[in-house]
Amino acid sequence: MRDHIEANLDPVEDHQEITFLSTCYDFPWDTQRALELALIRVFGIARSSRLLVRTGEFLERTQKRYDDTVLILSEMLENGYDSERGRAALRRMNQQHRRYTIPNDEYLYTLSTFVFEPVRWNERFGWRPLTEKEKLATYHYWKRVGALMNIADIPPSYEAFERFNVDFEAEHMRFSEDNRKLAVATRDLLLGWVLPGPLRPLGARFVHAMLDDRLLDALGLPRPAPALRRLVEGAIRARTPVLRAMPRRRSPRLLTTKKTRTYPDGYRIEDLGAR
């Protein structure tokens, strides 16, 4: 889709279409992994983790909370945030958030991870980096979603939002036991999908190798050996020549049409989120 995007689409006017095409055609697997790491990254902010632990959703209903988050975001991305289903998903998300007092800068930081973690993932692990148009479209997509969530003071440019992201982490990414609890629960959920119990401690080391030292310290997780980091990065990047040689995807990969563990028989948007 890169050639079509570069030749025909504008990152401001066509930000929804570009973000959909880039995510669902060129980077479906990579974007999902990047947003999983974005979720773990938010757990490195102690004051955010305090609320997440208090609600119990991520610790007691980890699979449901994960599935609900993926489906709400996917409804907006795959159908458009201004479509009937996209608006319903946005309303449901806003209903959930209104239950709690959440500072605006925490909303901003979480929003920023949706912009920059996919960019960083693809620079490090992807079969190609995102183009400048794709980066700008991603920013404008999430900026608009943030506005629809009534998030204030969204930085006015991609570069300014990235500076906010970096500065916020430098100031607020600190260890707490709540951070560790959330990270371990989510890490073990992700590993449980692909590894039997005896292999999960080994899998945990590989997950840690994808996280930077500041985040690991904030989560109370051990830093891996540099050699393991290189091994993990090399293993993921080994896909690159294969993916580049393969024919491009002809149909989008839509997460809203896939079965989930929480909703094997399908779901209604009003079922998503805490009761």
C-alpha atoms as a PDB file:
ATOM      1  CA  MET A   1       0.000   0.000   0.000  1.00  0.00           C
ATOM      2  CA  ARG A   2       2.993   2.308   0.360  1.00  0.00           C
ATOM      3  CA  ASP A   3       3.060   3.301  -3.320  1.00  0.00           C
ATOM      4  CA  HIS A   4      -0.667   4.094  -3.334  1.00  0.00           C
ATOM      5  CA  ILE A   5      -0.354   6.130  -0.154  1.00  0.00           C
ATOM      6  CA  GLU A   6       2.648   8.070  -1.416  1.00  0.00           C
ATOM      7  CA  ALA A   7       1.106   8.816  -4.813  1.00  0.00           C
ATOM      8  CA  ASN A   8      -2.500   9.541  -3.964  1.00  0.00           C
ATOM      9  CA  LEU A   9      -3.190  10.371  -0.324  1.00  0.00           C
ATOM     10  CA  ASP A  10      -2.639  13.342   1.965  1.00  0.00           C
ATOM     11  CA  PRO A  11      -1.558  12.694   5.581  1.00  0.00           C
ATOM     12  CA  VAL A  12      -3.916  15.337   6.959  1.00  0.00           C
ATOM     13  CA  GLU A  13      -7.010  15.029   4.789  1.00  0.00           C
ATOM     14  CA  ASP A  14      -6.737  11.257   4.356  1.00  0.00           C
ATOM     15  CA  HIS A  15      -5.341  10.305   7.758  1.00  0.00           C
ATOM     16  CA  GLN A  16      -8.053   7.723   8.456  1.00  0.00           C
ATOM     17  CA  GLU A  17      -7.540   5.951   5.145  1.00  0.00           C
ATOM     18  CA  ILE A  18      -3.745   5.982   5.403  1.00  0.00           C
ATOM     19  CA  THR A  19      -3.768   4.652   8.961  1.00  0.00           C
ATOM     20  CA  PHE A  20      -6.229   1.917   8.006  1.00  0.00           C
ATOM     21  CA  LEU A  21      -4.254   0.848   4.921  1.00  0.00           C
ATOM     22  CA  SER A  22      -0.898   0.923   6.687  1.00  0.00           C
ATOM     23  CA  THR A  23      -2.154  -0.969   9.731  1.00  0.00           C
ATOM     24  CA  CYS A  24      -4.461  -3.542   8.162  1.00  0.00           C
ATOM     25  CA  TYR A  25      -2.556  -4.275   4.958  1.00  0.00           C
ATOM     26  CA  ASP A  26       1.163  -3.634   5.470  1.00  0.00           C
ATOM     27  CA  PHE A  27       1.655  -3.957   9.246  1.00  0.00           C
ATOM     28  CA  PRO A  28      -1.165  -5.922  10.912  1.00  0.00           C
ATOM     29  CA  TRP A  29       1.077  -8.200  12.981  1.00  0.00           C
ATOM     30  CA  ASP A  30       3.634  -5.514  13.750  1.00  0.00           C
ATOM     31  CA  THR A  31       1.059  -2.951  14.835  1.00  0.00           C
ATOM     32  CA  GLN A  32      -0.625  -5.407  17.179  1.00  0.00           C
ATOM     33  CA  ARG A  33       2.700  -6.266  18.801  1.00  0.00           C
ATOM     34  CA  ALA A  34       3.652  -2.595  19.040  1.00  0.00           C
ATOM     35  CA  LEU A  35       0.389  -1.696  20.765  1.00  0.00           C
ATOM     36  CA  GLU A  36       0.855  -4.572  23.203  1.00  0.00           C
ATOM     37  CA  LEU A  37       4.195  -3.033  24.120  1.00  0.00           C
ATOM     38  CA  ALA A  38       2.512   0.385  24.304  1.00  0.00           C
ATOM     39  CA  LEU A  39       0.124  -1.057  26.879  1.00  0.00           C
ATOM     40  CA  ILE A  40       3.025  -2.408  28.927  1.00  0.00           C
ATOM     41  CA  ARG A  41       4.760   0.955  28.564  1.00  0.00           C
ATOM     42  CA  VAL A  42       1.839   2.758  30.183  1.00  0.00           C
ATOM     43  CA  PHE A  43       2.298   0.438  33.166  1.00  0.00           C
ATOM     44  CA  GLY A  44       5.679   2.112  33.746  1.00  0.00           C
ATOM     45  CA  ILE A  45       3.887   5.265  34.939  1.00  0.00           C
ATOM     46  CA  ALA A  46       3.280   4.676  38.638  1.00  0.00           C
ATOM     47  CA  ARG A  47       0.389   7.078  39.120  1.00  0.00           C
ATOM     48  CA  SER A  48      -1.470   5.506  36.186  1.00  0.00           C
ATOM     49  CA  SER A  49      -0.817   2.009  37.499  1.00  0.00           C
ATOM     50  CA  ARG A  50      -2.274   2.907  40.881  1.00  0.00           C
ATOM     51  CA  LEU A  51      -5.717   3.462  39.346  1.00  0.00           C
ATOM     52  CA  LEU A  52      -5.489   0.409  37.082  1.00  0.00           C
ATOM     53  CA  VAL A  53      -4.701  -1.827  40.051  1.00  0.00           C
ATOM     54  CA  ARG A  54      -7.489  -0.295  42.114  1.00  0.00           C
ATOM     55  CA  THR A  55     -10.114  -1.040  39.444  1.00  0.00           C
ATOM     56  CA  GLY A  56      -9.011  -4.693  39.354  1.00  0.00           C
ATOM     57  CA  GLU A  57      -9.694  -4.981  35.619  1.00  0.00           C
ATOM     58  CA  PHE A  58      -6.149  -5.741  34.484  1.00  0.00           C
ATOM     59  CA  LEU A  59      -5.350  -8.092  37.360  1.00  0.00           C
ATOM     60  CA  GLU A  60      -8.627  -9.986  37.803  1.00  0.00           C
ATOM     61  CA  ARG A  61      -9.967  -9.939  34.226  1.00  0.00           C
ATOM     62  CA  THR A  62      -6.773  -9.544  32.215  1.00  0.00           C
ATOM     63  CA  GLN A  63      -7.976 -11.353  29.084  1.00  0.00           C
ATOM     64  CA  LYS A  64     -11.279  -9.451  28.954  1.00  0.00           C
ATOM     65  CA  ARG A  65      -9.576  -6.106  29.532  1.00  0.00           C
ATOM     66  CA  TYR A  66      -7.106  -6.863  26.748  1.00  0.00           C
ATOM     67  CA  ASP A  67      -9.807  -7.998  24.310  1.00  0.00           C
ATOM     68  CA  ASP A  68     -12.039  -5.031  25.128  1.00  0.00           C
ATOM     69  CA  THR A  69      -9.213  -2.575  24.490  1.00  0.00           C
ATOM     70  CA  VAL A  70      -8.259  -4.186  21.182  1.00  0.00           C
ATOM     71  CA  LEU A  71     -11.847  -4.339  19.959  1.00  0.00           C
ATOM     72  CA  ILE A  72     -12.761  -0.767  20.872  1.00  0.00           C
ATOM     73  CA  LEU A  73      -9.670   0.616  19.146  1.00  0.00           C
ATOM     74  CA  SER A  74     -10.167  -1.690  16.162  1.00  0.00           C
ATOM     75  CA  GLU A  75     -13.816  -0.695  15.719  1.00  0.00           C
ATOM     76  CA  MET A  76     -12.699   2.905  15.295  1.00  0.00           C
ATOM     77  CA  LEU A  77      -9.740   2.124  13.053  1.00  0.00           C
ATOM     78  CA  GLU A  78     -11.376  -0.463  10.808  1.00  0.00           C
ATOM     79  CA  ASN A  79     -14.753   1.248  10.394  1.00  0.00           C
ATOM     80  CA  GLY A  80     -13.717   4.865  10.874  1.00  0.00           C
ATOM     81  CA  TYR A  81     -14.132   6.865  14.056  1.00  0.00           C
ATOM     82  CA  ASP A  82     -16.981   8.751  12.357  1.00  0.00           C
ATOM     83  CA  SER A  83     -18.869   5.600  11.271  1.00  0.00           C
ATOM     84  CA  GLU A  84     -21.851   4.285  13.227  1.00  0.00           C
ATOM     85  CA  ARG A  85     -19.801   1.526  14.861  1.00  0.00           C
ATOM     86  CA  GLY A  86     -16.805   3.790  15.333  1.00  0.00           C
ATOM     87  CA  ARG A  87     -18.931   6.378  17.140  1.00  0.00           C
ATOM     88  CA  ALA A  88     -20.497   3.649  19.287  1.00  0.00           C
ATOM     89  CA  ALA A  89     -17.043   2.359  20.256  1.00  0.00           C
ATOM     90  CA  LEU A  90     -15.888   5.871  21.085  1.00  0.00           C
ATOM     91  CA  ARG A  91     -18.982   6.470  23.241  1.00  0.00           C
ATOM     92  CA  ARG A  92     -18.354   3.212  25.068  1.00  0.00           C
ATOM     93  CA  MET A  93     -14.733   4.141  25.720  1.00  0.00           C
ATOM     94  CA  ASN A  94     -15.704   7.573  27.001  1.00  0.00           C
ATOM     95  CA  GLN A  95     -18.362   6.019  29.258  1.00  0.00           C
ATOM     96  CA  GLN A  96     -15.698   3.812  30.808  1.00  0.00           C
ATOM     97  CA  HIS A  97     -13.287   6.672  31.371  1.00  0.00           C
ATOM     98  CA  ARG A  98     -15.909   8.942  32.962  1.00  0.00           C
ATOM     99  CA  ARG A  99     -16.054   6.586  35.935  1.00  0.00           C
ATOM    100  CA  TYR A 100     -12.624   7.757  37.049  1.00  0.00           C
ATOM    101  CA  THR A 101     -10.706  10.966  37.633  1.00  0.00           C
ATOM    102  CA  ILE A 102      -7.782  10.735  35.220  1.00  0.00           C
ATOM    103  CA  PRO A 103      -5.392  13.685  34.758  1.00  0.00           C
ATOM    104  CA  ASN A 104      -5.259  15.122  31.256  1.00  0.00           C
ATOM    105  CA  ASP A 105      -1.519  14.531  30.918  1.00  0.00           C
ATOM    106  CA  GLU A 106      -2.016  10.801  31.566  1.00  0.00           C
ATOM    107  CA  TYR A 107      -4.557  10.678  28.758  1.00  0.00           C
ATOM    108  CA  LEU A 108      -2.078  12.536  26.568  1.00  0.00           C
ATOM    109  CA  TYR A 109       0.724  10.137  27.374  1.00  0.00           C
ATOM    110  CA  THR A 110      -1.367   7.054  26.624  1.00  0.00           C
ATOM    111  CA  LEU A 111      -2.481   8.644  23.354  1.00  0.00           C
ATOM    112  CA  SER A 112       1.143   9.374  22.468  1.00  0.00           C
ATOM    113  CA  THR A 113       2.108   5.718  22.853  1.00  0.00           C
ATOM    114  CA  PHE A 114      -0.428   4.804  20.154  1.00  0.00           C
ATOM    115  CA  VAL A 115       1.381   7.176  17.798  1.00  0.00           C
ATOM    116  CA  PHE A 116       5.020   6.467  18.569  1.00  0.00           C
ATOM    117  CA  GLU A 117       5.275   2.839  19.645  1.00  0.00           C
ATOM    118  CA  PRO A 118       4.272   1.509  16.179  1.00  0.00           C
ATOM    119  CA  VAL A 119       6.804   3.901  14.613  1.00  0.00           C
ATOM    120  CA  ARG A 120       9.564   2.722  16.950  1.00  0.00           C
ATOM    121  CA  TRP A 121       8.641  -0.941  16.583  1.00  0.00           C
ATOM    122  CA  ASN A 122       8.886  -0.798  12.809  1.00  0.00           C
ATOM    123  CA  GLU A 123      12.182   1.066  12.938  1.00  0.00           C
ATOM    124  CA  ARG A 124      13.593  -1.664  15.160  1.00  0.00           C
ATOM    125  CA  PHE A 125      11.771  -4.825  14.078  1.00  0.00           C
ATOM    126  CA  GLY A 126       9.608  -4.133  11.034  1.00  0.00           C
ATOM    127  CA  TRP A 127      10.087  -5.268   7.456  1.00  0.00           C
ATOM    128  CA  ARG A 128      10.254  -1.563   6.541  1.00  0.00           C
ATOM    129  CA  PRO A 129       9.992   1.684   8.508  1.00  0.00           C
ATOM    130  CA  LEU A 130       6.916   3.833   8.262  1.00  0.00           C
ATOM    131  CA  THR A 131       7.084   6.592   5.673  1.00  0.00           C
ATOM    132  CA  GLU A 132       6.798  10.233   6.673  1.00  0.00           C
ATOM    133  CA  LYS A 133       3.237  10.271   5.331  1.00  0.00           C
ATOM    134  CA  GLU A 134       2.333   7.237   7.433  1.00  0.00           C
ATOM    135  CA  LYS A 135       3.849   8.814  10.539  1.00  0.00           C
ATOM    136  CA  LEU A 136       1.999  12.085  10.027  1.00  0.00           C
ATOM    137  CA  ALA A 137      -1.271  10.315   9.258  1.00  0.00           C
ATOM    138  CA  THR A 138      -0.944   8.274  12.449  1.00  0.00           C
ATOM    139  CA  TYR A 139      -0.426  11.472  14.424  1.00  0.00           C
ATOM    140  CA  HIS A 140      -3.442  13.165  12.853  1.00  0.00           C
ATOM    141  CA  TYR A 141      -5.595  10.062  13.344  1.00  0.00           C
ATOM    142  CA  TRP A 142      -4.890   9.839  17.062  1.00  0.00           C
ATOM    143  CA  LYS A 143      -5.033  13.616  17.476  1.00  0.00           C
ATOM    144  CA  ARG A 144      -8.603  13.522  16.165  1.00  0.00           C
ATOM    145  CA  VAL A 145      -9.525  10.532  18.333  1.00  0.00           C
ATOM    146  CA  GLY A 146      -8.041  12.374  21.308  1.00  0.00           C
ATOM    147  CA  ALA A 147     -10.169  15.420  20.531  1.00  0.00           C
ATOM    148  CA  LEU A 148     -13.258  13.201  20.394  1.00  0.00           C
ATOM    149  CA  MET A 149     -12.253  11.906  23.837  1.00  0.00           C
ATOM    150  CA  ASN A 150     -12.150  15.526  25.064  1.00  0.00           C
ATOM    151  CA  ILE A 151      -8.415  15.353  25.721  1.00  0.00           C
ATOM    152  CA  ALA A 152      -7.081  18.898  26.002  1.00  0.00           C
ATOM    153  CA  ASP A 153      -3.780  20.439  24.916  1.00  0.00           C
ATOM    154  CA  ILE A 154      -2.786  17.812  22.344  1.00  0.00           C
ATOM    155  CA  PRO A 155       0.560  19.045  20.972  1.00  0.00           C
ATOM    156  CA  PRO A 156       0.121  20.755  17.594  1.00  0.00           C
ATOM    157  CA  SER A 157       2.634  18.708  15.597  1.00  0.00           C
ATOM    158  CA  TYR A 158       4.144  15.237  15.346  1.00  0.00           C
ATOM    159  CA  GLU A 159       7.472  16.555  16.620  1.00  0.00           C
ATOM    160  CA  ALA A 160       5.928  18.376  19.578  1.00  0.00           C
ATOM    161  CA  PHE A 161       3.928  15.306  20.569  1.00  0.00           C
ATOM    162  CA  GLU A 162       7.065  13.181  20.424  1.00  0.00           C
ATOM    163  CA  ARG A 163       8.867  15.658  22.687  1.00  0.00           C
ATOM    164  CA  PHE A 164       5.956  15.459  25.123  1.00  0.00           C
ATOM    165  CA  ASN A 165       6.169  11.645  25.068  1.00  0.00           C
ATOM    166  CA  VAL A 166       9.900  11.611  25.795  1.00  0.00           C
ATOM    167  CA  ASP A 167       9.733  14.318  28.475  1.00  0.00           C
ATOM    168  CA  PHE A 168       6.762  12.710  30.235  1.00  0.00           C
ATOM    169  CA  GLU A 169       8.597   9.399  30.510  1.00  0.00           C
ATOM    170  CA  ALA A 170      11.731  11.108  31.810  1.00  0.00           C
ATOM    171  CA  GLU A 171       9.708  12.753  34.579  1.00  0.00           C
ATOM    172  CA  HIS A 172       7.163  10.084  35.494  1.00  0.00           C
ATOM    173  CA  MET A 173       8.478   6.631  34.588  1.00  0.00           C
ATOM    174  CA  ARG A 174       9.418   5.321  38.034  1.00  0.00           C
ATOM    175  CA  PHE A 175       9.139   1.955  39.767  1.00  0.00           C
ATOM    176  CA  SER A 176       6.165   0.943  41.837  1.00  0.00           C
ATOM    177  CA  GLU A 177       4.887  -2.464  42.868  1.00  0.00           C
ATOM    178  CA  ASP A 178       1.645  -1.710  41.026  1.00  0.00           C
ATOM    179  CA  ASN A 179       3.660  -1.333  37.821  1.00  0.00           C
ATOM    180  CA  ARG A 180       5.200  -4.752  38.328  1.00  0.00           C
ATOM    181  CA  LYS A 181       1.873  -6.460  39.042  1.00  0.00           C
ATOM    182  CA  LEU A 182       0.269  -5.100  35.875  1.00  0.00           C
ATOM    183  CA  ALA A 183       3.264  -5.855  33.674  1.00  0.00           C
ATOM    184  CA  VAL A 184       3.611  -9.428  34.915  1.00  0.00           C
ATOM    185  CA  ALA A 185      -0.114 -10.132  34.507  1.00  0.00           C
ATOM    186  CA  THR A 186      -0.126  -8.821  30.940  1.00  0.00           C
ATOM    187  CA  ARG A 187       3.178 -10.440  29.991  1.00  0.00           C
ATOM    188  CA  ASP A 188       1.970 -13.800  31.273  1.00  0.00           C
ATOM    189  CA  LEU A 189      -1.313 -13.396  29.386  1.00  0.00           C
ATOM    190  CA  LEU A 190       0.535 -12.809  26.108  1.00  0.00           C
ATOM    191  CA  LEU A 191       2.904 -15.723  26.696  1.00  0.00           C
ATOM    192  CA  GLY A 192       0.038 -18.006  27.685  1.00  0.00           C
ATOM    193  CA  TRP A 193      -1.334 -17.787  24.154  1.00  0.00           C
ATOM    194  CA  VAL A 194       1.775 -19.292  22.570  1.00  0.00           C
ATOM    195  CA  LEU A 195       3.773 -21.214  25.182  1.00  0.00           C
ATOM    196  CA  PRO A 196       3.038 -24.050  27.619  1.00  0.00           C
ATOM    197  CA  GLY A 197       3.607 -23.287  31.281  1.00  0.00           C
ATOM    198  CA  PRO A 198       7.126 -24.744  31.601  1.00  0.00           C
ATOM    199  CA  LEU A 199       8.429 -22.555  28.765  1.00  0.00           C
ATOM    200  CA  ARG A 200       6.944 -19.272  29.945  1.00  0.00           C
ATOM    201  CA  PRO A 201       9.917 -18.251  32.139  1.00  0.00           C
ATOM    202  CA  LEU A 202      12.110 -18.519  29.046  1.00  0.00           C
ATOM    203  CA  GLY A 203       9.532 -16.615  27.022  1.00  0.00           C
ATOM    204  CA  ALA A 204       9.514 -13.893  29.676  1.00  0.00           C
ATOM    205  CA  ARG A 205      13.221 -13.287  29.072  1.00  0.00           C
ATOM    206  CA  PHE A 206      12.507 -12.775  25.382  1.00  0.00           C
ATOM    207  CA  VAL A 207       9.731 -10.287  26.165  1.00  0.00           C
ATOM    208  CA  HIS A 208      12.063  -8.379  28.487  1.00  0.00           C
ATOM    209  CA  ALA A 209      14.619  -8.191  25.667  1.00  0.00           C
ATOM    210  CA  MET A 210      12.143  -6.110  23.645  1.00  0.00           C
ATOM    211  CA  LEU A 211      11.846  -3.499  26.418  1.00  0.00           C
ATOM    212  CA  ASP A 212      14.353  -0.737  27.149  1.00  0.00           C
ATOM    213  CA  ASP A 213      16.189  -0.529  30.461  1.00  0.00           C
ATOM    214  CA  ARG A 214      14.280   2.498  31.775  1.00  0.00           C
ATOM    215  CA  LEU A 215      10.979   0.690  31.287  1.00  0.00           C
ATOM    216  CA  LEU A 216      12.279  -2.564  32.764  1.00  0.00           C
ATOM    217  CA  ASP A 217      13.501  -0.717  35.850  1.00  0.00           C
ATOM    218  CA  ALA A 218      10.123   1.017  36.224  1.00  0.00           C
ATOM    219  CA  LEU A 219       8.368  -2.351  35.967  1.00  0.00           C
ATOM    220  CA  GLY A 220      10.731  -4.084  38.374  1.00  0.00           C
ATOM    221  CA  LEU A 221      11.755  -6.615  35.718  1.00  0.00           C
ATOM    222  CA  PRO A 222      15.322  -7.854  35.171  1.00  0.00           C
ATOM    223  CA  ARG A 223      17.481  -6.378  32.444  1.00  0.00           C
ATOM    224  CA  PRO A 224      18.486  -8.988  29.847  1.00  0.00           C
ATOM    225  CA  ALA A 225      22.021  -9.594  28.675  1.00  0.00           C
ATOM    226  CA  PRO A 226      22.972  -7.508  25.608  1.00  0.00           C
ATOM    227  CA  ALA A 227      23.523 -10.733  23.668  1.00  0.00           C
ATOM    228  CA  LEU A 228      19.913 -11.756  24.271  1.00  0.00           C
ATOM    229  CA  ARG A 229      18.681  -8.380  23.035  1.00  0.00           C
ATOM    230  CA  ARG A 230      20.673  -8.865  19.838  1.00  0.00           C
ATOM    231  CA  LEU A 231      19.348 -12.404  19.446  1.00  0.00           C
ATOM    232  CA  VAL A 232      15.706 -11.347  19.828  1.00  0.00           C
ATOM    233  CA  GLU A 233      16.056  -8.383  17.500  1.00  0.00           C
ATOM    234  CA  GLY A 234      17.826 -10.522  14.907  1.00  0.00           C
ATOM    235  CA  ALA A 235      15.199 -13.257  15.139  1.00  0.00           C
ATOM    236  CA  ILE A 236      12.323 -10.842  14.546  1.00  0.00           C
ATOM    237  CA  ARG A 237      14.132  -8.988  11.787  1.00  0.00           C
ATOM    238  CA  ALA A 238      14.862 -12.289  10.044  1.00  0.00           C
ATOM    239  CA  ARG A 239      11.319 -12.009   8.680  1.00  0.00           C
ATOM    240  CA  THR A 240      12.297  -8.973   6.634  1.00  0.00           C
ATOM    241  CA  PRO A 241      13.582 -10.549   3.393  1.00  0.00           C
ATOM    242  CA  VAL A 242      10.727 -13.060   3.398  1.00  0.00           C
ATOM    243  CA  LEU A 243       8.043 -10.406   3.878  1.00  0.00           C
ATOM    244  CA  ARG A 244       9.580  -8.113   1.283  1.00  0.00           C
ATOM    245  CA  ALA A 245       9.607 -10.940  -1.262  1.00  0.00           C
ATOM    246  CA  MET A 246       6.025 -12.019  -0.623  1.00  0.00           C
ATOM    247  CA  PRO A 247       3.089 -10.632  -2.624  1.00  0.00           C
ATOM    248  CA  ARG A 248       1.380  -7.775  -0.845  1.00  0.00           C
ATOM    249  CA  ARG A 249      -1.789  -8.514   1.091  1.00  0.00           C
ATOM    250  CA  ARG A 250      -4.926  -8.213  -1.079  1.00  0.00           C
ATOM    251  CA  SER A 251      -7.447  -7.943   1.749  1.00  0.00           C
ATOM    252  CA  PRO A 252      -7.214  -6.265   5.152  1.00  0.00           C
ATOM    253  CA  ARG A 253      -6.611  -8.187   8.350  1.00  0.00           C
ATOM    254  CA  LEU A 254      -9.486  -7.092  10.564  1.00  0.00           C
ATOM    255  CA  LEU A 255      -9.328  -7.776  14.285  1.00  0.00           C
ATOM    256  CA  THR A 256     -13.046  -7.084  14.670  1.00  0.00           C
ATOM    257  CA  THR A 257     -13.845 -10.206  12.630  1.00  0.00           C
ATOM    258  CA  LYS A 258     -11.519 -12.566  14.503  1.00  0.00           C
ATOM    259  CA  LYS A 259     -12.684 -14.737  17.375  1.00  0.00           C
ATOM    260  CA  THR A 260     -11.410 -13.705  20.776  1.00  0.00           C
ATOM    261  CA  ARG A 261     -11.074 -15.735  23.929  1.00  0.00           C
ATOM    262  CA  THR A 262     -13.535 -13.499  25.737  1.00  0.00           C
ATOM    263  CA  TYR A 263     -16.118 -13.395  22.940  1.00  0.00           C
ATOM    264  CA  PRO A 264     -15.823 -16.636  20.921  1.00  0.00           C
ATOM    265  CA  ASP A 265     -19.374 -16.185  19.579  1.00  0.00           C
ATOM    266  CA  GLY A 266     -19.048 -12.505  18.775  1.00  0.00           C
ATOM    267  CA  TYR A 267     -19.702  -9.371  20.799  1.00  0.00           C
ATOM    268  CA  ARG A 268     -21.801  -6.245  21.038  1.00  0.00           C
ATOM    269  CA  ILE A 269     -20.048  -2.939  21.509  1.00  0.00           C
ATOM    270  CA  GLU A 270     -22.084  -2.336  24.663  1.00  0.00           C
ATOM    271  CA  ASP A 271     -20.559  -5.543  26.112  1.00  0.00           C
ATOM    272  CA  LEU A 272     -17.050  -4.088  25.940  1.00  0.00           C
ATOM    273  CA  GLY A 273     -15.502  -2.676  29.080  1.00  0.00           C
ATOM    274  CA  ALA A 274     -16.293  -3.013  32.756  1.00  0.00           C
ATOM    275  CA  ARG A 275     -19.882  -3.576  33.829  1.00  0.00           C
END
